[in-house]
């Protein structure tokens, strides 16, 4: 997942950074730094963020993100 995909997925899911951080059990600062391109989180952290977004109906594709439904 890229920072751009993360931002787009959050928008599609209607989630704030804080909501995603809580759902993925990561720090808001980690998520914000990732979306700003300032930091690449650990693989497990990215996986947790992606899983939280997918639980909200977002699907990740090679070309971006879309909602399921």
PDB file of N, CA and C in Angstrom:
ATOM      1  N   UNK A   1       0.851  -1.172   0.000  1.00  0.00           N
ATOM      2  CA  UNK A   1       0.000   0.000   0.000  1.00  0.00           C
ATOM      3  C   UNK A   1       0.896   1.233   0.000  1.00  0.00           C
ATOM      4  N   UNK A   2       0.572   2.163  -0.859  1.00  0.00           N
ATOM      5  CA  UNK A   2       1.308   3.418  -0.933  1.00  0.00           C
ATOM      6  C   UNK A   2       0.620   4.464  -0.042  1.00  0.00           C
ATOM      7  N   UNK A   3       1.324   5.546   0.250  1.00  0.00           N
ATOM      8  CA  UNK A   3       0.665   6.613   1.012  1.00  0.00           C
ATOM      9  C   UNK A   3      -0.585   7.145   0.307  1.00  0.00           C
ATOM     10  N   UNK A   4      -0.508   7.261  -1.004  1.00  0.00           N
ATOM     11  CA  UNK A   4      -1.655   7.761  -1.771  1.00  0.00           C
ATOM     12  C   UNK A   4      -2.829   6.802  -1.693  1.00  0.00           C
ATOM     13  N   UNK A   5      -2.539   5.486  -1.782  1.00  0.00           N
ATOM     14  CA  UNK A   5      -3.604   4.491  -1.664  1.00  0.00           C
ATOM     15  C   UNK A   5      -4.234   4.544  -0.275  1.00  0.00           C
ATOM     16  N   UNK A   6      -3.415   4.742   0.732  1.00  0.00           N
ATOM     17  CA  UNK A   6      -3.923   4.810   2.099  1.00  0.00           C
ATOM     18  C   UNK A   6      -4.890   5.981   2.251  1.00  0.00           C
ATOM     19  N   UNK A   7      -4.494   7.143   1.766  1.00  0.00           N
ATOM     20  CA  UNK A   7      -5.368   8.321   1.857  1.00  0.00           C
ATOM     21  C   UNK A   7      -6.665   8.102   1.101  1.00  0.00           C
ATOM     22  N   UNK A   8      -6.557   7.551  -0.117  1.00  0.00           N
ATOM     23  CA  UNK A   8      -7.752   7.302  -0.931  1.00  0.00           C
ATOM     24  C   UNK A   8      -8.657   6.276  -0.267  1.00  0.00           C
ATOM     25  N   UNK A   9      -8.063   5.227   0.277  1.00  0.00           N
ATOM     26  CA  UNK A   9      -8.841   4.179   0.938  1.00  0.00           C
ATOM     27  C   UNK A   9      -9.562   4.730   2.160  1.00  0.00           C
ATOM     28  N   UNK A  10      -8.879   5.569   2.931  1.00  0.00           N
ATOM     29  CA  UNK A  10      -9.524   6.183   4.096  1.00  0.00           C
ATOM     30  C   UNK A  10     -10.716   7.011   3.663  1.00  0.00           C
ATOM     31  N   UNK A  11     -10.545   7.769   2.572  1.00  0.00           N
ATOM     32  CA  UNK A  11     -11.642   8.602   2.067  1.00  0.00           C
ATOM     33  C   UNK A  11     -12.818   7.731   1.631  1.00  0.00           C
ATOM     34  N   UNK A  12     -12.520   6.654   0.903  1.00  0.00           N
ATOM     35  CA  UNK A  12     -13.589   5.750   0.457  1.00  0.00           C
ATOM     36  C   UNK A  12     -14.303   5.109   1.639  1.00  0.00           C
ATOM     37  N   UNK A  13     -13.561   4.792   2.675  1.00  0.00           N
ATOM     38  CA  UNK A  13     -14.138   4.161   3.862  1.00  0.00           C
ATOM     39  C   UNK A  13     -14.776   5.176   4.804  1.00  0.00           C
ATOM     40  N   UNK A  14     -14.554   6.460   4.553  1.00  0.00           N
ATOM     41  CA  UNK A  14     -15.110   7.504   5.418  1.00  0.00           C
ATOM     42  C   UNK A  14     -14.468   7.510   6.794  1.00  0.00           C
ATOM     43  N   UNK A  15     -13.162   7.228   6.828  1.00  0.00           N
ATOM     44  CA  UNK A  15     -12.446   7.155   8.104  1.00  0.00           C
ATOM     45  C   UNK A  15     -11.480   8.322   8.254  1.00  0.00           C
ATOM     46  N   UNK A  16     -11.365   8.827   9.460  1.00  0.00           N
ATOM     47  CA  UNK A  16     -10.344   9.822   9.771  1.00  0.00           C
ATOM     48  C   UNK A  16      -9.042   9.084  10.052  1.00  0.00           C
ATOM     49  N   UNK A  17      -7.954   9.832  10.149  1.00  0.00           N
ATOM     50  CA  UNK A  17      -6.687   9.207  10.523  1.00  0.00           C
ATOM     51  C   UNK A  17      -6.817   8.567  11.903  1.00  0.00           C
ATOM     52  N   UNK A  18      -7.472   9.234  12.807  1.00  0.00           N
ATOM     53  CA  UNK A  18      -7.624   8.711  14.159  1.00  0.00           C
ATOM     54  C   UNK A  18      -8.428   7.413  14.156  1.00  0.00           C
ATOM     55  N   UNK A  19      -9.499   7.364  13.382  1.00  0.00           N
ATOM     56  CA  UNK A  19     -10.314   6.150  13.318  1.00  0.00           C
ATOM     57  C   UNK A  19      -9.519   4.973  12.760  1.00  0.00           C
ATOM     58  N   UNK A  20      -8.745   5.229  11.703  1.00  0.00           N
ATOM     59  CA  UNK A  20      -7.933   4.154  11.132  1.00  0.00           C
ATOM     60  C   UNK A  20      -6.849   3.720  12.105  1.00  0.00           C
ATOM     61  N   UNK A  21      -6.224   4.670  12.758  1.00  0.00           N
ATOM     62  CA  UNK A  21      -5.175   4.341  13.720  1.00  0.00           C
ATOM     63  C   UNK A  21      -5.720   3.458  14.837  1.00  0.00           C
ATOM     64  N   UNK A  22      -6.894   3.772  15.315  1.00  0.00           N
ATOM     65  CA  UNK A  22      -7.506   2.960  16.370  1.00  0.00           C
ATOM     66  C   UNK A  22      -7.837   1.563  15.848  1.00  0.00           C
ATOM     67  N   UNK A  23      -8.445   1.499  14.672  1.00  0.00           N
ATOM     68  CA  UNK A  23      -8.825   0.205  14.103  1.00  0.00           C
ATOM     69  C   UNK A  23      -7.611  -0.679  13.823  1.00  0.00           C
ATOM     70  N   UNK A  24      -6.506  -0.070  13.404  1.00  0.00           N
ATOM     71  CA  UNK A  24      -5.293  -0.823  13.079  1.00  0.00           C
ATOM     72  C   UNK A  24      -4.355  -0.968  14.269  1.00  0.00           C
ATOM     73  N   UNK A  25      -4.707  -0.322  15.371  1.00  0.00           N
ATOM     74  CA  UNK A  25      -3.883  -0.343  16.579  1.00  0.00           C
ATOM     75  C   UNK A  25      -2.469   0.177  16.320  1.00  0.00           C
ATOM     76  N   UNK A  26      -2.414   1.345  15.649  1.00  0.00           N
ATOM     77  CA  UNK A  26      -1.142   2.030  15.397  1.00  0.00           C
ATOM     78  C   UNK A  26      -1.268   3.468  15.879  1.00  0.00           C
ATOM     79  N   UNK A  27      -0.148   4.128  16.053  1.00  0.00           N
ATOM     80  CA  UNK A  27      -0.166   5.523  16.487  1.00  0.00           C
ATOM     81  C   UNK A  27      -0.635   6.427  15.349  1.00  0.00           C
ATOM     82  N   UNK A  28      -1.396   7.438  15.695  1.00  0.00           N
ATOM     83  CA  UNK A  28      -1.844   8.416  14.697  1.00  0.00           C
ATOM     84  C   UNK A  28      -0.625   9.049  14.022  1.00  0.00           C
ATOM     85  N   UNK A  29       0.421   9.315  14.785  1.00  0.00           N
ATOM     86  CA  UNK A  29       1.628   9.931  14.226  1.00  0.00           C
ATOM     87  C   UNK A  29       2.267   9.033  13.165  1.00  0.00           C
ATOM     88  N   UNK A  30       2.239   7.731  13.379  1.00  0.00           N
ATOM     89  CA  UNK A  30       2.778   6.787  12.398  1.00  0.00           C
ATOM     90  C   UNK A  30       1.992   6.864  11.100  1.00  0.00           C
ATOM     91  N   UNK A  31       0.678   6.854  11.215  1.00  0.00           N
ATOM     92  CA  UNK A  31      -0.195   6.926  10.047  1.00  0.00           C
ATOM     93  C   UNK A  31      -0.018   8.250   9.318  1.00  0.00           C
ATOM     94  N   UNK A  32       0.017   9.341  10.057  1.00  0.00           N
ATOM     95  CA  UNK A  32       0.169  10.659   9.434  1.00  0.00           C
ATOM     96  C   UNK A  32       1.501  10.780   8.712  1.00  0.00           C
ATOM     97  N   UNK A  33       2.569  10.318   9.335  1.00  0.00           N
ATOM     98  CA  UNK A  33       3.894  10.383   8.697  1.00  0.00           C
ATOM     99  C   UNK A  33       3.937   9.533   7.440  1.00  0.00           C
ATOM    100  N   UNK A  34       3.283   8.386   7.467  1.00  0.00           N
ATOM    101  CA  UNK A  34       3.224   7.525   6.277  1.00  0.00           C
ATOM    102  C   UNK A  34       2.477   8.224   5.151  1.00  0.00           C
ATOM    103  N   UNK A  35       1.309   8.775   5.446  1.00  0.00           N
ATOM    104  CA  UNK A  35       0.513   9.442   4.408  1.00  0.00           C
ATOM    105  C   UNK A  35       1.220  10.672   3.850  1.00  0.00           C
ATOM    106  N   UNK A  36       2.089  11.284   4.618  1.00  0.00           N
ATOM    107  CA  UNK A  36       2.849  12.444   4.149  1.00  0.00           C
ATOM    108  C   UNK A  36       4.120  12.031   3.415  1.00  0.00           C
ATOM    109  N   UNK A  37       4.390  10.742   3.358  1.00  0.00           N
ATOM    110  CA  UNK A  37       5.588  10.255   2.685  1.00  0.00           C
ATOM    111  C   UNK A  37       6.865  10.458   3.478  1.00  0.00           C
ATOM    112  N   UNK A  38       6.733  10.690   4.771  1.00  0.00           N
ATOM    113  CA  UNK A  38       7.898  10.952   5.619  1.00  0.00           C
ATOM    114  C   UNK A  38       8.474   9.684   6.238  1.00  0.00           C
ATOM    115  N   UNK A  39       7.696   8.609   6.226  1.00  0.00           N
ATOM    116  CA  UNK A  39       8.124   7.391   6.902  1.00  0.00           C
ATOM    117  C   UNK A  39       7.440   6.185   6.280  1.00  0.00           C
ATOM    118  N   UNK A  40       8.150   5.073   6.218  1.00  0.00           N
ATOM    119  CA  UNK A  40       7.556   3.813   5.799  1.00  0.00           C
ATOM    120  C   UNK A  40       7.435   2.926   7.032  1.00  0.00           C
ATOM    121  N   UNK A  41       6.216   2.604   7.421  1.00  0.00           N
ATOM    122  CA  UNK A  41       6.026   1.775   8.612  1.00  0.00           C
ATOM    123  C   UNK A  41       6.533   0.343   8.393  1.00  0.00           C
ATOM    124  N   UNK A  42       6.673  -0.378   9.488  1.00  0.00           N
ATOM    125  CA  UNK A  42       7.003  -1.798   9.408  1.00  0.00           C
ATOM    126  C   UNK A  42       5.946  -2.527   8.582  1.00  0.00           C
ATOM    127  N   UNK A  43       6.343  -3.640   7.999  1.00  0.00           N
ATOM    128  CA  UNK A  43       5.438  -4.425   7.159  1.00  0.00           C
ATOM    129  C   UNK A  43       4.180  -4.834   7.925  1.00  0.00           C
ATOM    130  N   UNK A  44       4.333  -5.237   9.190  1.00  0.00           N
ATOM    131  CA  UNK A  44       3.161  -5.659   9.980  1.00  0.00           C
ATOM    132  C   UNK A  44       2.219  -4.482  10.235  1.00  0.00           C
ATOM    133  N   UNK A  45       2.774  -3.276  10.368  1.00  0.00           N
ATOM    134  CA  UNK A  45       1.946  -2.088  10.578  1.00  0.00           C
ATOM    135  C   UNK A  45       1.154  -1.765   9.323  1.00  0.00           C
ATOM    136  N   UNK A  46       1.813  -1.835   8.169  1.00  0.00           N
ATOM    137  CA  UNK A  46       1.103  -1.619   6.902  1.00  0.00           C
ATOM    138  C   UNK A  46      -0.001  -2.654   6.730  1.00  0.00           C
ATOM    139  N   UNK A  47       0.311  -3.896   7.085  1.00  0.00           N
ATOM    140  CA  UNK A  47      -0.684  -4.960   6.978  1.00  0.00           C
ATOM    141  C   UNK A  47      -1.889  -4.709   7.868  1.00  0.00           C
ATOM    142  N   UNK A  48      -1.647  -4.219   9.064  1.00  0.00           N
ATOM    143  CA  UNK A  48      -2.742  -3.921   9.988  1.00  0.00           C
ATOM    144  C   UNK A  48      -3.609  -2.781   9.464  1.00  0.00           C
ATOM    145  N   UNK A  49      -2.970  -1.760   8.896  1.00  0.00           N
ATOM    146  CA  UNK A  49      -3.740  -0.635   8.329  1.00  0.00           C
ATOM    147  C   UNK A  49      -4.559  -1.113   7.132  1.00  0.00           C
ATOM    148  N   UNK A  50      -3.938  -1.912   6.266  1.00  0.00           N
ATOM    149  CA  UNK A  50      -4.660  -2.407   5.095  1.00  0.00           C
ATOM    150  C   UNK A  50      -5.819  -3.308   5.514  1.00  0.00           C
ATOM    151  N   UNK A  51      -5.593  -4.174   6.480  1.00  0.00           N
ATOM    152  CA  UNK A  51      -6.658  -5.063   6.953  1.00  0.00           C
ATOM    153  C   UNK A  51      -7.831  -4.274   7.535  1.00  0.00           C
ATOM    154  N   UNK A  52      -7.531  -3.213   8.268  1.00  0.00           N
ATOM    155  CA  UNK A  52      -8.594  -2.383   8.845  1.00  0.00           C
ATOM    156  C   UNK A  52      -9.411  -1.704   7.747  1.00  0.00           C
ATOM    157  N   UNK A  53      -8.745  -1.268   6.705  1.00  0.00           N
ATOM    158  CA  UNK A  53      -9.450  -0.646   5.582  1.00  0.00           C
ATOM    159  C   UNK A  53     -10.266  -1.683   4.806  1.00  0.00           C
ATOM    160  N   UNK A  54      -9.698  -2.854   4.606  1.00  0.00           N
ATOM    161  CA  UNK A  54     -10.419  -3.913   3.906  1.00  0.00           C
ATOM    162  C   UNK A  54     -11.650  -4.353   4.692  1.00  0.00           C
ATOM    163  N   UNK A  55     -11.568  -4.310   6.016  1.00  0.00           N
ATOM    164  CA  UNK A  55     -12.716  -4.657   6.856  1.00  0.00           C
ATOM    165  C   UNK A  55     -13.857  -3.665   6.667  1.00  0.00           C
ATOM    166  N   UNK A  56     -13.519  -2.471   6.196  1.00  0.00           N
ATOM    167  CA  UNK A  56     -14.523  -1.435   5.913  1.00  0.00           C
ATOM    168  C   UNK A  56     -14.994  -1.479   4.463  1.00  0.00           C
ATOM    169  N   UNK A  57     -14.579  -2.509   3.702  1.00  0.00           N
ATOM    170  CA  UNK A  57     -15.084  -2.689   2.345  1.00  0.00           C
ATOM    171  C   UNK A  57     -14.212  -2.126   1.245  1.00  0.00           C
ATOM    172  N   UNK A  58     -12.982  -1.747   1.567  1.00  0.00           N
ATOM    173  CA  UNK A  58     -12.060  -1.219   0.561  1.00  0.00           C
ATOM    174  C   UNK A  58     -11.246  -2.369  -0.011  1.00  0.00           C
ATOM    175  N   UNK A  59     -11.083  -2.378  -1.336  1.00  0.00           N
ATOM    176  CA  UNK A  59     -10.256  -3.388  -2.001  1.00  0.00           C
ATOM    177  C   UNK A  59      -9.061  -2.697  -2.638  1.00  0.00           C
ATOM    178  N   UNK A  60      -7.905  -3.274  -2.457  1.00  0.00           N
ATOM    179  CA  UNK A  60      -6.685  -2.731  -3.043  1.00  0.00           C
ATOM    180  C   UNK A  60      -6.400  -3.449  -4.349  1.00  0.00           C
ATOM    181  N   UNK A  61      -6.135  -2.665  -5.396  1.00  0.00           N
ATOM    182  CA  UNK A  61      -5.831  -3.211  -6.716  1.00  0.00           C
ATOM    183  C   UNK A  61      -4.480  -2.670  -7.159  1.00  0.00           C
ATOM    184  N   UNK A  62      -3.879  -3.279  -8.183  1.00  0.00           N
ATOM    185  CA  UNK A  62      -2.603  -2.754  -8.667  1.00  0.00           C
ATOM    186  C   UNK A  62      -2.694  -1.295  -9.138  1.00  0.00           C
ATOM    187  N   UNK A  63      -3.890  -0.881  -9.532  1.00  0.00           N
ATOM    188  CA  UNK A  63      -4.082   0.479 -10.040  1.00  0.00           C
ATOM    189  C   UNK A  63      -4.601   1.457  -9.000  1.00  0.00           C
ATOM    190  N   UNK A  64      -4.837   1.023  -7.800  1.00  0.00           N
ATOM    191  CA  UNK A  64      -5.348   1.932  -6.779  1.00  0.00           C
ATOM    192  C   UNK A  64      -6.226   1.218  -5.791  1.00  0.00           C
ATOM    193  N   UNK A  65      -7.344   1.842  -5.452  1.00  0.00           N
ATOM    194  CA  UNK A  65      -8.297   1.271  -4.487  1.00  0.00           C
ATOM    195  C   UNK A  65      -9.703   1.436  -5.008  1.00  0.00           C
ATOM    196  N   UNK A  66     -10.580   0.566  -4.519  1.00  0.00           N
ATOM    197  CA  UNK A  66     -11.995   0.681  -4.855  1.00  0.00           C
ATOM    198  C   UNK A  66     -12.792   0.131  -3.692  1.00  0.00           C
ATOM    199  N   UNK A  67     -14.081   0.414  -3.673  1.00  0.00           N
ATOM    200  CA  UNK A  67     -14.925  -0.157  -2.633  1.00  0.00           C
ATOM    201  C   UNK A  67     -15.540  -1.433  -3.151  1.00  0.00           C
ATOM    202  N   UNK A  68     -15.796  -2.349  -2.252  1.00  0.00           N
ATOM    203  CA  UNK A  68     -16.507  -3.573  -2.602  1.00  0.00           C
ATOM    204  C   UNK A  68     -17.969  -3.311  -2.404  1.00  0.00           C
ATOM    205  N   UNK A  69     -18.694  -3.292  -3.501  1.00  0.00           N
ATOM    206  CA  UNK A  69     -20.131  -3.096  -3.331  1.00  0.00           C
ATOM    207  C   UNK A  69     -20.700  -2.044  -4.160  1.00  0.00           C
TER     208      UNK A  69
END
